Protein backbone atom coordinates (compact mmCIF):
# COMPACT_ATOMS: atom_id res chain seq x y z
CA MET A 1 129.18 59.13 51.51
CA ALA A 2 130.20 55.99 53.39
CA ARG A 3 128.44 53.54 55.70
CA VAL A 4 130.59 53.63 58.85
CA LEU A 5 130.67 51.37 61.91
CA VAL A 6 131.90 52.84 65.20
CA SER A 7 132.36 50.23 67.92
CA GLY A 8 132.27 51.91 71.32
CA GLY A 9 130.32 54.70 69.62
CA ALA A 10 128.32 55.68 72.71
CA GLY A 11 131.49 56.28 74.70
CA PHE A 12 133.41 59.49 75.31
CA ILE A 13 135.57 59.66 72.17
CA GLY A 14 133.26 57.41 70.14
CA SER A 15 130.23 59.67 70.51
CA HIS A 16 132.19 62.74 69.40
CA LEU A 17 133.40 60.70 66.41
CA CYS A 18 129.79 59.78 65.56
CA ASP A 19 128.89 63.49 65.67
CA ALA A 20 131.67 64.38 63.24
CA LEU A 21 130.94 61.50 60.84
CA LEU A 22 127.24 62.40 60.65
CA LYS A 23 128.08 66.06 60.13
CA GLN A 24 130.22 64.96 57.18
CA GLY A 25 127.17 63.21 55.66
CA ASN A 26 128.00 59.58 56.44
CA GLU A 27 125.61 56.83 57.51
CA VAL A 28 126.73 55.76 61.00
CA LEU A 29 126.20 52.48 62.83
CA CYS A 30 126.99 52.93 66.51
CA LEU A 31 127.78 49.64 68.27
CA ASP A 32 128.04 49.67 72.08
CA ASN A 33 127.17 47.45 75.06
CA LEU A 34 126.80 50.57 77.28
CA PHE A 35 129.25 49.33 79.95
CA THR A 36 131.01 52.71 79.98
CA GLY A 37 129.11 54.30 77.10
CA SER A 38 125.78 56.11 77.51
CA LYS A 39 122.71 56.66 75.37
CA ARG A 40 122.77 60.28 76.55
CA ASN A 41 125.95 60.80 74.52
CA ILE A 42 124.19 59.89 71.26
CA GLN A 43 120.53 60.67 71.92
CA ALA A 44 120.64 63.79 69.74
CA HIS A 45 120.92 61.46 66.72
CA PHE A 46 118.09 59.01 67.50
CA ALA A 47 115.73 60.75 65.07
CA ASN A 48 118.38 60.93 62.34
CA PRO A 49 117.69 58.34 59.58
CA ASP A 50 121.44 58.16 58.89
CA PHE A 51 122.16 56.98 62.46
CA GLU A 52 121.57 53.54 63.92
CA PHE A 53 122.35 52.41 67.48
CA ILE A 54 123.00 48.70 68.03
CA ARG A 55 123.34 47.50 71.61
CA HIS A 56 125.86 44.68 71.27
CA ASP A 57 128.99 43.31 72.96
CA VAL A 58 131.92 43.09 70.52
CA THR A 59 133.13 39.85 72.12
CA GLN A 60 130.13 38.24 70.37
CA PRO A 61 130.11 37.89 66.56
CA ILE A 62 127.84 40.12 64.49
CA LEU A 63 127.18 40.40 60.75
CA LEU A 64 127.13 43.91 59.32
CA GLU A 65 127.69 45.50 55.90
CA VAL A 66 129.88 48.61 56.12
CA ASP A 67 132.58 50.51 54.24
CA LYS A 68 134.70 51.63 57.21
CA ILE A 69 135.19 50.42 60.78
CA TYR A 70 136.46 52.50 63.69
CA HIS A 71 137.17 50.00 66.48
CA LEU A 72 137.07 51.95 69.76
CA ALA A 73 135.20 49.46 71.97
CA CYS A 74 137.03 48.91 75.26
CA PRO A 75 136.96 50.52 78.71
CA ALA A 76 139.82 53.01 78.68
CA SER A 77 140.25 54.15 82.29
CA PRO A 78 141.89 52.09 85.07
CA VAL A 79 138.73 52.12 87.23
CA ASP A 80 136.70 50.59 84.39
CA TYR A 81 139.18 48.22 82.78
CA GLN A 82 140.29 46.77 86.13
CA TYR A 83 136.66 46.22 87.22
CA ASN A 84 136.59 43.02 85.17
CA SER A 85 140.11 42.46 83.89
CA VAL A 86 139.34 39.19 82.09
CA LYS A 87 136.46 40.88 80.21
CA THR A 88 138.85 43.71 79.25
CA ILE A 89 141.27 41.19 77.72
CA LYS A 90 138.40 39.45 75.93
CA THR A 91 137.19 42.78 74.53
CA ASN A 92 140.65 43.59 73.20
CA VAL A 93 141.31 40.13 71.75
CA MET A 94 137.95 38.59 70.75
CA GLY A 95 136.36 41.96 70.05
CA THR A 96 139.20 42.92 67.72
CA ILE A 97 139.03 39.54 65.96
CA ASN A 98 135.28 40.00 65.41
CA MET A 99 135.66 43.52 64.02
CA LEU A 100 138.58 42.48 61.80
CA GLY A 101 136.45 39.56 60.62
CA ILE A 102 133.79 41.99 59.39
CA ALA A 103 136.45 44.10 57.68
CA LYS A 104 137.90 41.06 55.92
CA ARG A 105 134.51 39.76 54.79
CA VAL A 106 133.19 43.05 53.37
CA LYS A 107 136.58 44.57 52.42
CA ALA A 108 136.16 47.57 54.74
CA ARG A 109 138.97 49.85 55.88
CA PHE A 110 139.64 49.07 59.57
CA LEU A 111 141.07 51.47 62.16
CA LEU A 112 142.17 50.19 65.59
CA ALA A 113 142.08 52.65 68.47
CA SER A 114 145.14 51.51 70.40
CA THR A 115 146.72 53.44 73.25
CA SER A 116 149.86 55.09 74.56
CA GLU A 117 149.65 52.47 77.33
CA VAL A 118 151.41 50.06 74.95
CA TYR A 119 154.57 51.99 75.87
CA GLY A 120 154.07 51.21 79.58
CA ASP A 121 156.31 53.29 81.87
CA PRO A 122 158.50 54.46 79.00
CA LEU A 123 162.30 54.51 79.12
CA GLN A 124 162.30 56.55 75.89
CA HIS A 125 161.07 60.15 75.97
CA PRO A 126 159.19 61.40 74.05
CA GLN A 127 157.75 58.15 72.71
CA LYS A 128 158.16 57.31 69.02
CA GLU A 129 156.13 54.64 67.23
CA SER A 130 159.29 52.55 66.84
CA TYR A 131 159.63 52.21 70.64
CA TRP A 132 158.62 48.74 71.91
CA GLY A 133 157.68 49.89 75.39
CA ASN A 134 158.35 48.96 79.01
CA VAL A 135 155.25 47.04 80.12
CA ASN A 136 154.70 44.80 83.15
CA PRO A 137 152.80 41.80 81.67
CA ILE A 138 151.43 40.73 85.07
CA GLY A 139 150.79 44.14 86.66
CA PRO A 140 147.37 45.61 87.57
CA ARG A 141 147.20 47.56 84.29
CA SER A 142 148.30 44.66 82.07
CA CYS A 143 144.75 43.57 81.11
CA TYR A 144 144.54 46.83 79.16
CA ASP A 145 148.21 47.38 78.18
CA GLU A 146 148.81 43.84 76.96
CA GLY A 147 145.28 43.56 75.58
CA LYS A 148 145.92 46.53 73.30
CA ARG A 149 149.35 45.16 72.33
CA VAL A 150 147.68 41.90 71.23
CA ALA A 151 145.00 43.91 69.39
CA GLU A 152 147.80 45.63 67.46
CA THR A 153 149.37 42.22 66.70
CA LEU A 154 146.05 40.92 65.39
CA THR A 155 145.55 44.01 63.24
CA VAL A 156 149.02 43.73 61.71
CA ASN A 157 148.57 39.99 61.03
CA TYR A 158 145.20 40.50 59.31
CA HIS A 159 146.89 43.22 57.24
CA ASN A 160 149.84 40.97 56.28
CA GLU A 161 147.83 37.81 55.66
CA ALA A 162 148.62 36.23 52.30
CA HIS A 163 144.95 35.56 51.43
CA GLY A 164 142.51 38.46 51.66
CA LYS A 165 144.63 41.21 53.19
CA VAL A 166 142.68 43.73 55.28
CA ASN A 167 143.22 47.48 54.78
CA THR A 168 144.09 48.40 58.38
CA GLY A 169 145.36 51.35 60.39
CA ILE A 170 146.49 51.65 64.01
CA VAL A 171 146.40 54.83 66.09
CA ARG A 172 147.94 55.07 69.55
CA ILE A 173 145.79 57.48 71.52
CA PHE A 174 147.41 59.57 74.26
CA ASN A 175 145.51 61.24 77.13
CA THR A 176 142.33 62.76 75.74
CA TYR A 177 139.82 64.96 77.59
CA GLY A 178 136.68 66.95 76.91
CA PRO A 179 132.89 67.02 77.34
CA ARG A 180 131.10 63.70 78.09
CA MET A 181 133.92 62.19 80.11
CA LEU A 182 132.55 60.06 82.95
CA PHE A 183 132.63 61.74 86.37
CA ASP A 184 134.07 58.71 88.16
CA ASP A 185 136.36 57.13 85.58
CA GLY A 186 139.51 57.71 87.65
CA ARG A 187 141.17 59.85 84.97
CA VAL A 188 143.06 62.82 86.26
CA VAL A 189 141.14 65.56 84.37
CA SER A 190 137.69 64.31 85.40
CA ASN A 191 138.88 63.66 88.99
CA PHE A 192 140.25 67.18 89.39
CA ILE A 193 137.23 68.91 87.78
CA VAL A 194 134.71 67.00 89.92
CA GLN A 195 136.71 67.59 93.11
CA SER A 196 137.10 71.30 92.29
CA LEU A 197 133.41 71.84 91.48
CA LYS A 198 132.40 70.07 94.70
CA GLY A 199 134.96 72.01 96.75
CA GLU A 200 136.62 68.76 97.83
CA GLU A 201 140.33 68.16 98.36
CA ILE A 202 142.16 67.57 95.08
CA THR A 203 144.09 64.32 95.17
CA VAL A 204 147.54 64.44 93.59
CA TYR A 205 149.52 61.19 93.63
CA GLY A 206 153.19 61.56 94.52
CA GLU A 207 154.66 65.04 94.29
CA GLY A 208 152.70 65.75 91.12
CA SER A 209 155.90 66.02 89.10
CA GLN A 210 154.82 63.19 86.77
CA THR A 211 153.77 64.50 83.37
CA ARG A 212 151.00 63.86 80.89
CA SER A 213 150.09 65.33 77.51
CA PHE A 214 146.43 66.29 77.22
CA CYS A 215 144.68 66.31 73.84
CA TYR A 216 141.23 67.87 73.43
CA VAL A 217 138.66 65.44 72.06
CA ASP A 218 137.83 67.43 68.88
CA ASP A 219 141.51 67.30 67.89
CA MET A 220 141.63 63.56 68.58
CA VAL A 221 138.55 62.93 66.41
CA ALA A 222 140.15 64.92 63.57
CA GLY A 223 143.25 62.70 63.89
CA LEU A 224 141.20 59.50 63.80
CA MET A 225 139.33 60.63 60.69
CA ALA A 226 142.53 61.76 58.96
CA THR A 227 144.07 58.31 59.57
CA MET A 228 140.97 56.52 58.27
CA GLU A 229 140.93 58.65 55.11
CA LYS A 230 144.56 57.84 54.29
CA SER A 231 143.79 54.43 52.84
CA GLY A 232 146.86 52.21 52.75
CA PHE A 233 148.53 54.02 55.66
CA SER A 234 148.75 51.34 58.34
CA GLY A 235 150.71 53.04 61.11
CA PRO A 236 150.91 52.69 64.00
CA VAL A 237 150.77 56.43 64.50
CA ASN A 238 150.76 58.46 67.72
CA LEU A 239 147.83 60.83 68.22
CA GLY A 240 148.17 63.19 71.16
CA ASN A 241 149.26 66.62 72.27
CA PRO A 242 153.06 67.02 72.46
CA VAL A 243 152.78 69.76 75.10
CA GLU A 244 153.85 68.22 78.41
CA THR A 245 152.12 69.27 81.66
CA THR A 246 152.85 68.15 85.21
CA ILE A 247 149.95 66.79 87.24
CA LEU A 248 150.46 69.53 89.84
CA GLU A 249 150.29 72.23 87.12
CA LEU A 250 147.05 70.68 85.87
CA ALA A 251 145.54 70.66 89.36
CA LYS A 252 146.41 74.33 89.93
CA LEU A 253 145.00 75.36 86.52
CA ILE A 254 141.69 73.56 87.14
CA VAL A 255 141.37 75.18 90.60
CA GLU A 256 141.95 78.56 88.95
CA LEU A 257 139.45 77.98 86.10
CA THR A 258 136.70 76.70 88.40
CA GLY A 259 137.28 79.42 91.00
CA SER A 260 137.37 76.64 93.58
CA ARG A 261 138.60 76.83 97.18
CA SER A 262 139.73 73.19 97.03
CA LYS A 263 143.06 72.36 98.63
CA ILE A 264 145.59 70.09 96.91
CA VAL A 265 146.61 67.00 98.94
CA HIS A 266 149.27 64.41 98.09
CA LYS A 267 148.92 60.62 98.23
CA PRO A 268 151.31 57.74 97.35
CA LEU A 269 151.78 56.86 93.66
CA PRO A 270 149.92 53.74 92.45
CA GLN A 271 151.86 50.77 91.03
CA ASP A 272 153.07 50.96 87.40
CA ASP A 273 151.83 54.54 87.00
CA PRO A 274 153.93 56.07 84.18
CA THR A 275 156.11 58.96 85.32
CA ARG A 276 156.37 60.64 81.92
CA ARG A 277 154.14 60.43 78.89
CA ARG A 278 154.50 62.57 75.77
CA PRO A 279 154.00 61.60 72.14
CA ASP A 280 156.38 62.26 69.31
CA ILE A 281 153.83 63.22 66.62
CA THR A 282 156.28 63.76 63.74
CA LEU A 283 154.76 60.84 61.81
CA ALA A 284 151.20 62.21 62.20
CA GLN A 285 152.35 65.66 61.08
CA ASN A 286 154.19 64.32 58.03
CA GLU A 287 151.79 61.56 56.91
CA LEU A 288 148.41 63.00 57.95
CA GLY A 289 149.05 66.74 58.13
CA TRP A 290 147.60 66.54 61.64
CA GLN A 291 148.42 68.26 64.89
CA PRO A 292 146.32 69.45 67.85
CA LYS A 293 144.88 72.96 67.64
CA THR A 294 143.24 73.40 71.07
CA ASP A 295 145.37 74.70 73.93
CA LEU A 296 144.90 73.21 77.39
CA LYS A 297 143.23 76.24 78.95
CA THR A 298 140.62 76.56 76.17
CA GLY A 299 139.86 72.85 76.22
CA LEU A 300 139.56 72.74 80.00
CA GLN A 301 137.14 75.69 79.99
CA LYS A 302 134.82 73.81 77.59
CA THR A 303 135.15 70.62 79.65
CA ILE A 304 134.45 72.40 82.94
CA GLU A 305 131.31 74.03 81.44
CA ASP A 306 130.06 70.58 80.39
CA PHE A 307 130.83 69.00 83.78
CA SER A 308 129.21 71.88 85.64
CA ARG A 309 126.03 71.60 83.56
CA ARG A 310 125.78 67.82 83.94
CA MET A 311 126.57 67.88 87.67
CA GLY A 312 123.93 70.56 88.17
CA ALA A 313 121.37 68.43 86.34
CA LYS A 314 122.42 65.38 88.38
CA ARG A 315 122.04 67.20 91.70
CA GLY A 316 118.70 68.62 90.59
C-alpha cells in the first residue's frame, strides 16, 4: 500500500484518519506539534511498525518521502484558533506552503482539509462549492476563515503551476463530531455533552434557532479517503451532513440521551456567528459516491459514551 503523511494526525479527525489508513494496510506518518492534538489519540499505534509519530510544527520546513499527504494541521475551534491568531494564520499559510512543497518535490497527491468557514455567514443556503462566501476579513474569526481561504488559493496555484503541477484536492469540512473531541474546545457538541454530564446549565447562544449540520467523524474520514483516492479530482468539495438541526434541538437531544437534569439557559450571540450552515453535497455524491451514513442520535450516543468514559478517568 502507500506511505501516507497526515499532518495534524494526533488531532480529533486526524487520529481517526490514521486509524482508518492503518486498517487499510498503509504506512502512516503522523505529524503533529500537539497544540490541540494528543498522544493519547494515537497511542494504540505506537507499537505498530507501520506507524510513525513525528512531533513537528508545520510552519517549519521538513523533508519527508511519501506518496500521499492529508494536510489537516490547524486548530479548528474558535477557542483554539483565537488563542494565538497570528500563529493560526501562519499555520494555514506557511504550513500549507511547506506541505505543498513536499508534494511537489516527491510528486505526492495532496489533500487540503479546508472548512465550511470559508463561506462565512452565508447568504446562500444551502452552500454550494461555487459560492464565494460572506466573510468578515477583520473579524475575530478571520484568522481561521481567511487563513483557510488563502490555503485554498495556494493549493489551486500549486495545482495550476506551469512547471511541476501538483496533484491536489480540496475538501471543505462542515461541523464534525465524535469520540476524542476536546472537552473545552468551545464547539457546541462538546460543550453541551460536558455540561450535561456535569449537570451544569447548558448554554445556548441567542434563541437557539441558528442551525448546524453535524457529521459523525467516521463518515467524514470516509469522505476524506474517497477524495484522496480520486486522483485528478481537485474540488473543492463539501463534506458534511445535509441534515439541518437547530442548536436548541441539539441541546434537548443531548439532555435526553445523557439523562441529565441540566437546564437550558440563553446568552447573547457572539460576533460573526453564522446563523445557518448546511452543505449541498451533490458534488460529493456524484463524484465520490459519498454521503453520511450515521444519524445524529446514533453518533451522539457513541460520542457521549466516549466523553463519559474519559471524564470518569479524568475525575478518578
